[in-house]
Amino acid sequence: ADAAAAAAITAVLADTKGVTEPDVARAALASLVGLNQLGPSPALVVSSSMPVRDVEWYGQPAPGVRVIANRGANGIDGVIATAIGVALTGAPTICLIGDVAFLHDATSLTALAQRRCDLTIMLVDNDGGGIFSFLPQRSLLDAARFEQLFGTPHGTDLLALARAHGLDTVNLESVNPNVLTPHGVRVLRVATERAANTDLHAQINAAVINAVSE
């Protein structure tokens, strides 16, 4: 059943144009596999809400990679700080994080450019709280009210914020494991669209149900 589900997920993503949030989660894991060194194992620090779900649902086996997550008072605070702490142990580290969680912990970017560690902050930016598009309130409220209360678009140029702290930034149009491999401190951003992401998840779920049923 697991093999059938994995094949169905791969097939749907292969037929989907552009970069998707499940693609990013898969690439983040894959980029850390095989990083052999004499220090701590490579680590993926995963934010709450959609990133941790995408890693759980769509991530492929990643032997030797530690996956770390925590849950702050608001569920998404302190994620960057956690990733910095992990990276400072000497572990090559990727932090997979959404835009709202990034903003909640933006003060952790202070003096980060001066840190000697290998940390890639992989930022998935859909300009708001993506997880709420999967919950009942999405269909119970009109679009404007939903955006005000749950979508909460912030309109912030997150890479400009990172550059203000002296960090190297890249806006990605596609993802592959080689691009994400940690070398120094960088912030990589992928822009996604919340409604399209919800539709893609539904498409994948339907394909998995069909594959496992057969």
C-alpha atoms as a PDB file:
ATOM      1  CA  ALA A   1       0.000   0.000   0.000  1.00  0.00           C
ATOM      2  CA  ASP A   2       2.828   2.383   0.840  1.00  0.00           C
ATOM      3  CA  ALA A   3       4.567   1.681  -2.468  1.00  0.00           C
ATOM      4  CA  ALA A   4       1.330   2.208  -4.392  1.00  0.00           C
ATOM      5  CA  ALA A   5       0.673   5.493  -2.580  1.00  0.00           C
ATOM      6  CA  ALA A   6       4.226   6.723  -3.184  1.00  0.00           C
ATOM      7  CA  ALA A   7       3.975   5.946  -6.891  1.00  0.00           C
ATOM      8  CA  ALA A   8       0.649   7.792  -7.148  1.00  0.00           C
ATOM      9  CA  ILE A   9       2.082  10.875  -5.405  1.00  0.00           C
ATOM     10  CA  THR A  10       5.116  10.910  -7.693  1.00  0.00           C
ATOM     11  CA  ALA A  11       2.928  10.573 -10.793  1.00  0.00           C
ATOM     12  CA  VAL A  12       0.658  13.488  -9.854  1.00  0.00           C
ATOM     13  CA  LEU A  13       3.579  15.773  -9.013  1.00  0.00           C
ATOM     14  CA  ALA A  14       5.348  14.857 -12.252  1.00  0.00           C
ATOM     15  CA  ASP A  15       2.283  16.014 -14.209  1.00  0.00           C
ATOM     16  CA  THR A  16       1.919  19.276 -12.266  1.00  0.00           C
ATOM     17  CA  LYS A  17       3.443  22.411 -13.776  1.00  0.00           C
ATOM     18  CA  GLY A  18       5.528  24.757 -11.686  1.00  0.00           C
ATOM     19  CA  VAL A  19       6.909  24.329  -8.207  1.00  0.00           C
ATOM     20  CA  THR A  20       4.530  22.966  -5.570  1.00  0.00           C
ATOM     21  CA  GLU A  21       4.619  22.763  -1.803  1.00  0.00           C
ATOM     22  CA  PRO A  22       4.831  18.945  -1.793  1.00  0.00           C
ATOM     23  CA  ASP A  23       7.768  19.249  -4.237  1.00  0.00           C
ATOM     24  CA  VAL A  24       9.568  21.557  -1.815  1.00  0.00           C
ATOM     25  CA  ALA A  25       9.054  19.182   1.113  1.00  0.00           C
ATOM     26  CA  ARG A  26      10.431  16.282  -0.922  1.00  0.00           C
ATOM     27  CA  ALA A  27      13.422  18.258  -2.150  1.00  0.00           C
ATOM     28  CA  ALA A  28      14.263  19.447   1.354  1.00  0.00           C
ATOM     29  CA  LEU A  29      14.498  15.877   2.616  1.00  0.00           C
ATOM     30  CA  ALA A  30      16.331  14.560  -0.443  1.00  0.00           C
ATOM     31  CA  SER A  31      18.960  17.295  -0.328  1.00  0.00           C
ATOM     32  CA  LEU A  32      20.177  16.090   3.070  1.00  0.00           C
ATOM     33  CA  VAL A  33      20.525  12.405   2.176  1.00  0.00           C
ATOM     34  CA  GLY A  34      24.103  11.279   1.728  1.00  0.00           C
ATOM     35  CA  LEU A  35      25.778  14.256   3.377  1.00  0.00           C
ATOM     36  CA  ASN A  36      28.463  12.165   5.014  1.00  0.00           C
ATOM     37  CA  GLN A  37      30.650  13.892   7.530  1.00  0.00           C
ATOM     38  CA  LEU A  38      32.349  13.262  10.854  1.00  0.00           C
ATOM     39  CA  GLY A  39      29.901  15.425  12.751  1.00  0.00           C
ATOM     40  CA  PRO A  40      26.210  15.461  13.602  1.00  0.00           C
ATOM     41  CA  SER A  41      23.733  13.978  11.154  1.00  0.00           C
ATOM     42  CA  PRO A  42      22.099  16.408   8.719  1.00  0.00           C
ATOM     43  CA  ALA A  43      18.851  17.834  10.045  1.00  0.00           C
ATOM     44  CA  LEU A  44      15.557  19.082   8.663  1.00  0.00           C
ATOM     45  CA  VAL A  45      13.794  21.497  11.014  1.00  0.00           C
ATOM     46  CA  VAL A  46      10.128  21.589  10.029  1.00  0.00           C
ATOM     47  CA  SER A  47       7.668  24.308  10.898  1.00  0.00           C
ATOM     48  CA  SER A  48       4.151  23.600  12.111  1.00  0.00           C
ATOM     49  CA  SER A  49       1.028  23.891   9.960  1.00  0.00           C
ATOM     50  CA  MET A  50       1.572  22.795   6.333  1.00  0.00           C
ATOM     51  CA  PRO A  51       5.366  22.139   6.202  1.00  0.00           C
ATOM     52  CA  VAL A  52       5.282  19.347   8.798  1.00  0.00           C
ATOM     53  CA  ARG A  53       2.221  17.844   7.124  1.00  0.00           C
ATOM     54  CA  ASP A  54       3.804  17.953   3.663  1.00  0.00           C
ATOM     55  CA  VAL A  55       6.918  16.198   4.961  1.00  0.00           C
ATOM     56  CA  GLU A  56       4.799  13.536   6.670  1.00  0.00           C
ATOM     57  CA  TRP A  57       2.457  13.001   3.729  1.00  0.00           C
ATOM     58  CA  TYR A  58       4.769  13.357   0.748  1.00  0.00           C
ATOM     59  CA  GLY A  59       8.365  13.032   1.936  1.00  0.00           C
ATOM     60  CA  GLN A  60      10.274  10.030   0.649  1.00  0.00           C
ATOM     61  CA  PRO A  61      12.521   7.880   2.860  1.00  0.00           C
ATOM     62  CA  ALA A  62      15.615   9.817   3.941  1.00  0.00           C
ATOM     63  CA  PRO A  63      18.022   7.514   5.790  1.00  0.00           C
ATOM     64  CA  GLY A  64      20.425   9.288   8.108  1.00  0.00           C
ATOM     65  CA  VAL A  65      18.439  12.534   8.242  1.00  0.00           C
ATOM     66  CA  ARG A  66      17.078  13.819  11.546  1.00  0.00           C
ATOM     67  CA  VAL A  67      13.690  15.516  11.318  1.00  0.00           C
ATOM     68  CA  ILE A  68      13.058  17.998  14.114  1.00  0.00           C
ATOM     69  CA  ALA A  69       9.950  19.978  14.992  1.00  0.00           C
ATOM     70  CA  ASN A  70       8.720  21.952  17.953  1.00  0.00           C
ATOM     71  CA  ARG A  71       5.482  23.663  18.810  1.00  0.00           C
ATOM     72  CA  GLY A  72       5.606  27.134  20.310  1.00  0.00           C
ATOM     73  CA  ALA A  73       2.919  29.005  22.222  1.00  0.00           C
ATOM     74  CA  ASN A  74       1.265  30.020  18.951  1.00  0.00           C
ATOM     75  CA  GLY A  75       2.241  26.825  17.175  1.00  0.00           C
ATOM     76  CA  ILE A  76       4.578  28.560  14.730  1.00  0.00           C
ATOM     77  CA  ASP A  77       6.838  30.816  16.806  1.00  0.00           C
ATOM     78  CA  GLY A  78      10.536  30.168  17.408  1.00  0.00           C
ATOM     79  CA  VAL A  79      11.102  27.990  14.339  1.00  0.00           C
ATOM     80  CA  ILE A  80      14.060  29.959  12.971  1.00  0.00           C
ATOM     81  CA  ALA A  81      15.636  30.118  16.418  1.00  0.00           C
ATOM     82  CA  THR A  82      15.333  26.343  16.733  1.00  0.00           C
ATOM     83  CA  ALA A  83      16.947  25.836  13.320  1.00  0.00           C
ATOM     84  CA  ILE A  84      19.855  28.135  14.230  1.00  0.00           C
ATOM     85  CA  GLY A  85      20.448  26.154  17.405  1.00  0.00           C
ATOM     86  CA  VAL A  86      20.476  22.873  15.478  1.00  0.00           C
ATOM     87  CA  ALA A  87      22.832  24.261  12.812  1.00  0.00           C
ATOM     88  CA  LEU A  88      25.252  25.551  15.454  1.00  0.00           C
ATOM     89  CA  THR A  89      25.835  21.960  16.597  1.00  0.00           C
ATOM     90  CA  GLY A  90      27.633  21.479  13.287  1.00  0.00           C
ATOM     91  CA  ALA A  91      24.792  19.695  11.535  1.00  0.00           C
ATOM     92  CA  PRO A  92      24.024  20.729   7.952  1.00  0.00           C
ATOM     93  CA  THR A  93      20.502  22.054   8.458  1.00  0.00           C
ATOM     94  CA  ILE A  94      17.497  22.993   6.355  1.00  0.00           C
ATOM     95  CA  CYS A  95      14.633  24.900   7.925  1.00  0.00           C
ATOM     96  CA  LEU A  96      11.394  24.328   6.001  1.00  0.00           C
ATOM     97  CA  ILE A  97       9.104  27.170   6.961  1.00  0.00           C
ATOM     98  CA  GLY A  98       6.052  29.090   5.765  1.00  0.00           C
ATOM     99  CA  ASP A  99       5.797  32.843   5.411  1.00  0.00           C
ATOM    100  CA  VAL A 100       3.674  33.496   8.509  1.00  0.00           C
ATOM    101  CA  ALA A 101       5.992  31.457  10.752  1.00  0.00           C
ATOM    102  CA  PHE A 102       8.963  33.278   9.176  1.00  0.00           C
ATOM    103  CA  LEU A 103       7.424  36.623  10.137  1.00  0.00           C
ATOM    104  CA  HIS A 104       6.607  35.396  13.658  1.00  0.00           C
ATOM    105  CA  ASP A 105      10.299  34.725  14.282  1.00  0.00           C
ATOM    106  CA  ALA A 106      11.886  37.462  12.148  1.00  0.00           C
ATOM    107  CA  THR A 107      13.900  38.772  15.108  1.00  0.00           C
ATOM    108  CA  SER A 108      15.962  35.567  14.997  1.00  0.00           C
ATOM    109  CA  LEU A 109      17.479  36.889  11.757  1.00  0.00           C
ATOM    110  CA  THR A 110      19.361  39.479  13.818  1.00  0.00           C
ATOM    111  CA  ALA A 111      23.137  38.891  13.436  1.00  0.00           C
ATOM    112  CA  LEU A 112      22.459  35.543  11.755  1.00  0.00           C
ATOM    113  CA  ALA A 113      24.778  36.542   8.890  1.00  0.00           C
ATOM    114  CA  GLN A 114      27.650  36.459  11.379  1.00  0.00           C
ATOM    115  CA  ARG A 115      26.999  32.877  12.447  1.00  0.00           C
ATOM    116  CA  ARG A 116      29.362  30.204  11.194  1.00  0.00           C
ATOM    117  CA  CYS A 117      27.012  27.400  10.305  1.00  0.00           C
ATOM    118  CA  ASP A 118      25.399  25.692   7.345  1.00  0.00           C
ATOM    119  CA  LEU A 119      21.738  26.665   7.382  1.00  0.00           C
ATOM    120  CA  THR A 120      19.353  26.894   4.450  1.00  0.00           C
ATOM    121  CA  ILE A 121      16.060  28.560   5.333  1.00  0.00           C
ATOM    122  CA  MET A 122      13.638  27.182   2.742  1.00  0.00           C
ATOM    123  CA  LEU A 123      10.774  29.640   2.749  1.00  0.00           C
ATOM    124  CA  VAL A 124       7.423  28.689   1.211  1.00  0.00           C
ATOM    125  CA  ASP A 125       5.594  31.967   0.615  1.00  0.00           C
ATOM    126  CA  ASN A 126       1.881  31.853  -0.184  1.00  0.00           C
ATOM    127  CA  ASP A 127       1.184  35.215   1.464  1.00  0.00           C
ATOM    128  CA  GLY A 128      -0.867  33.959   4.366  1.00  0.00           C
ATOM    129  CA  GLY A 129      -1.972  31.012   6.457  1.00  0.00           C
ATOM    130  CA  GLY A 130      -2.193  28.157   3.991  1.00  0.00           C
ATOM    131  CA  ILE A 131      -3.525  25.550   6.381  1.00  0.00           C
ATOM    132  CA  PHE A 132      -6.824  27.390   6.854  1.00  0.00           C
ATOM    133  CA  SER A 133      -7.743  26.742   3.229  1.00  0.00           C
ATOM    134  CA  PHE A 134      -8.115  23.077   4.221  1.00  0.00           C
ATOM    135  CA  LEU A 135     -10.476  23.751   7.139  1.00  0.00           C
ATOM    136  CA  PRO A 136     -14.284  24.183   7.223  1.00  0.00           C
ATOM    137  CA  GLN A 137     -14.212  27.959   7.556  1.00  0.00           C
ATOM    138  CA  ARG A 138     -12.961  28.220   3.976  1.00  0.00           C
ATOM    139  CA  SER A 139     -16.368  27.220   2.656  1.00  0.00           C
ATOM    140  CA  LEU A 140     -18.432  28.770   5.465  1.00  0.00           C
ATOM    141  CA  LEU A 141     -17.251  32.358   4.976  1.00  0.00           C
ATOM    142  CA  ASP A 142     -17.264  34.631   1.964  1.00  0.00           C
ATOM    143  CA  ALA A 143     -13.851  35.138   0.373  1.00  0.00           C
ATOM    144  CA  ALA A 144     -13.172  38.619   1.770  1.00  0.00           C
ATOM    145  CA  ARG A 145     -14.097  37.668   5.340  1.00  0.00           C
ATOM    146  CA  PHE A 146     -12.062  34.470   5.137  1.00  0.00           C
ATOM    147  CA  GLU A 147      -8.980  36.389   3.978  1.00  0.00           C
ATOM    148  CA  GLN A 148      -9.396  38.933   6.763  1.00  0.00           C
ATOM    149  CA  LEU A 149      -9.725  36.398   9.575  1.00  0.00           C
ATOM    150  CA  PHE A 150      -7.839  33.314   8.391  1.00  0.00           C
ATOM    151  CA  GLY A 151      -5.946  33.890   5.148  1.00  0.00           C
ATOM    152  CA  THR A 152      -4.274  36.939   6.736  1.00  0.00           C
ATOM    153  CA  PRO A 153      -2.192  38.040   3.709  1.00  0.00           C
ATOM    154  CA  HIS A 154       0.719  40.158   4.912  1.00  0.00           C
ATOM    155  CA  GLY A 155       2.143  41.503   1.660  1.00  0.00           C
ATOM    156  CA  THR A 156       5.671  41.575   3.078  1.00  0.00           C
ATOM    157  CA  ASP A 157       8.746  41.256   0.850  1.00  0.00           C
ATOM    158  CA  LEU A 158      10.364  38.541   2.944  1.00  0.00           C
ATOM    159  CA  LEU A 159      13.594  38.391   0.946  1.00  0.00           C
ATOM    160  CA  ALA A 160      14.026  42.142   1.383  1.00  0.00           C
ATOM    161  CA  LEU A 161      13.612  41.573   5.118  1.00  0.00           C
ATOM    162  CA  ALA A 162      16.311  38.886   5.034  1.00  0.00           C
ATOM    163  CA  ARG A 163      18.643  41.100   2.978  1.00  0.00           C
ATOM    164  CA  ALA A 164      18.188  43.884   5.525  1.00  0.00           C
ATOM    165  CA  HIS A 165      19.929  41.520   7.937  1.00  0.00           C
ATOM    166  CA  GLY A 166      22.779  40.943   5.474  1.00  0.00           C
ATOM    167  CA  LEU A 167      21.685  37.451   4.460  1.00  0.00           C
ATOM    168  CA  ASP A 168      22.134  35.884   1.037  1.00  0.00           C
ATOM    169  CA  THR A 169      18.787  35.317  -0.652  1.00  0.00           C
ATOM    170  CA  VAL A 170      17.525  33.527  -3.747  1.00  0.00           C
ATOM    171  CA  ASN A 171      14.053  33.559  -5.279  1.00  0.00           C
ATOM    172  CA  LEU A 172      13.563  30.091  -6.783  1.00  0.00           C
ATOM    173  CA  GLU A 173      11.445  29.264  -9.813  1.00  0.00           C
ATOM    174  CA  SER A 174      12.088  25.532  -9.360  1.00  0.00           C
ATOM    175  CA  VAL A 175      13.548  23.265  -6.712  1.00  0.00           C
ATOM    176  CA  ASN A 176      15.901  20.332  -6.764  1.00  0.00           C
ATOM    177  CA  PRO A 177      17.927  18.760  -3.973  1.00  0.00           C
ATOM    178  CA  ASN A 178      21.253  20.252  -5.139  1.00  0.00           C
ATOM    179  CA  VAL A 179      19.945  23.813  -4.855  1.00  0.00           C
ATOM    180  CA  LEU A 180      18.841  23.338  -1.242  1.00  0.00           C
ATOM    181  CA  THR A 181      22.033  21.715   0.119  1.00  0.00           C
ATOM    182  CA  PRO A 182      23.229  23.792   3.102  1.00  0.00           C
ATOM    183  CA  HIS A 183      26.355  25.909   2.462  1.00  0.00           C
ATOM    184  CA  GLY A 184      26.617  28.850   4.813  1.00  0.00           C
ATOM    185  CA  VAL A 185      23.475  30.761   5.741  1.00  0.00           C
ATOM    186  CA  ARG A 186      20.934  31.449   2.985  1.00  0.00           C
ATOM    187  CA  VAL A 187      17.251  32.218   2.620  1.00  0.00           C
ATOM    188  CA  LEU A 188      15.611  30.583  -0.402  1.00  0.00           C
ATOM    189  CA  ARG A 189      12.051  31.538  -1.310  1.00  0.00           C
ATOM    190  CA  VAL A 190       9.457  29.734  -3.388  1.00  0.00           C
ATOM    191  CA  ALA A 191       6.191  31.508  -4.190  1.00  0.00           C
ATOM    192  CA  THR A 192       3.063  29.356  -4.180  1.00  0.00           C
ATOM    193  CA  GLU A 193      -0.676  30.003  -4.350  1.00  0.00           C
ATOM    194  CA  ARG A 194      -2.981  28.843  -1.573  1.00  0.00           C
ATOM    195  CA  ALA A 195      -6.013  27.876  -3.653  1.00  0.00           C
ATOM    196  CA  ALA A 196      -3.922  25.951  -6.172  1.00  0.00           C
ATOM    197  CA  ASN A 197      -2.155  24.163  -3.314  1.00  0.00           C
ATOM    198  CA  THR A 198      -5.468  23.064  -1.822  1.00  0.00           C
ATOM    199  CA  ASP A 199      -6.593  21.710  -5.193  1.00  0.00           C
ATOM    200  CA  LEU A 200      -3.306  19.842  -5.667  1.00  0.00           C
ATOM    201  CA  HIS A 201      -3.593  18.157  -2.279  1.00  0.00           C
ATOM    202  CA  ALA A 202      -7.106  17.005  -3.155  1.00  0.00           C
ATOM    203  CA  GLN A 203      -5.846  15.643  -6.469  1.00  0.00           C
ATOM    204  CA  ILE A 204      -3.028  13.739  -4.766  1.00  0.00           C
ATOM    205  CA  ASN A 205      -5.353  12.360  -2.094  1.00  0.00           C
ATOM    206  CA  ALA A 206      -7.767  11.073  -4.743  1.00  0.00           C
ATOM    207  CA  ALA A 207      -4.921   9.434  -6.663  1.00  0.00           C
ATOM    208  CA  VAL A 208      -3.604   7.753  -3.510  1.00  0.00           C
ATOM    209  CA  ILE A 209      -7.073   6.441  -2.574  1.00  0.00           C
ATOM    210  CA  ASN A 210      -7.483   5.011  -6.055  1.00  0.00           C
ATOM    211  CA  ALA A 211      -4.023   3.430  -6.079  1.00  0.00           C
ATOM    212  CA  VAL A 212      -4.384   1.815  -2.654  1.00  0.00           C
ATOM    213  CA  SER A 213      -7.907   0.595  -3.439  1.00  0.00           C
ATOM    214  CA  GLU A 214      -6.648  -1.153  -6.552  1.00  0.00           C
END
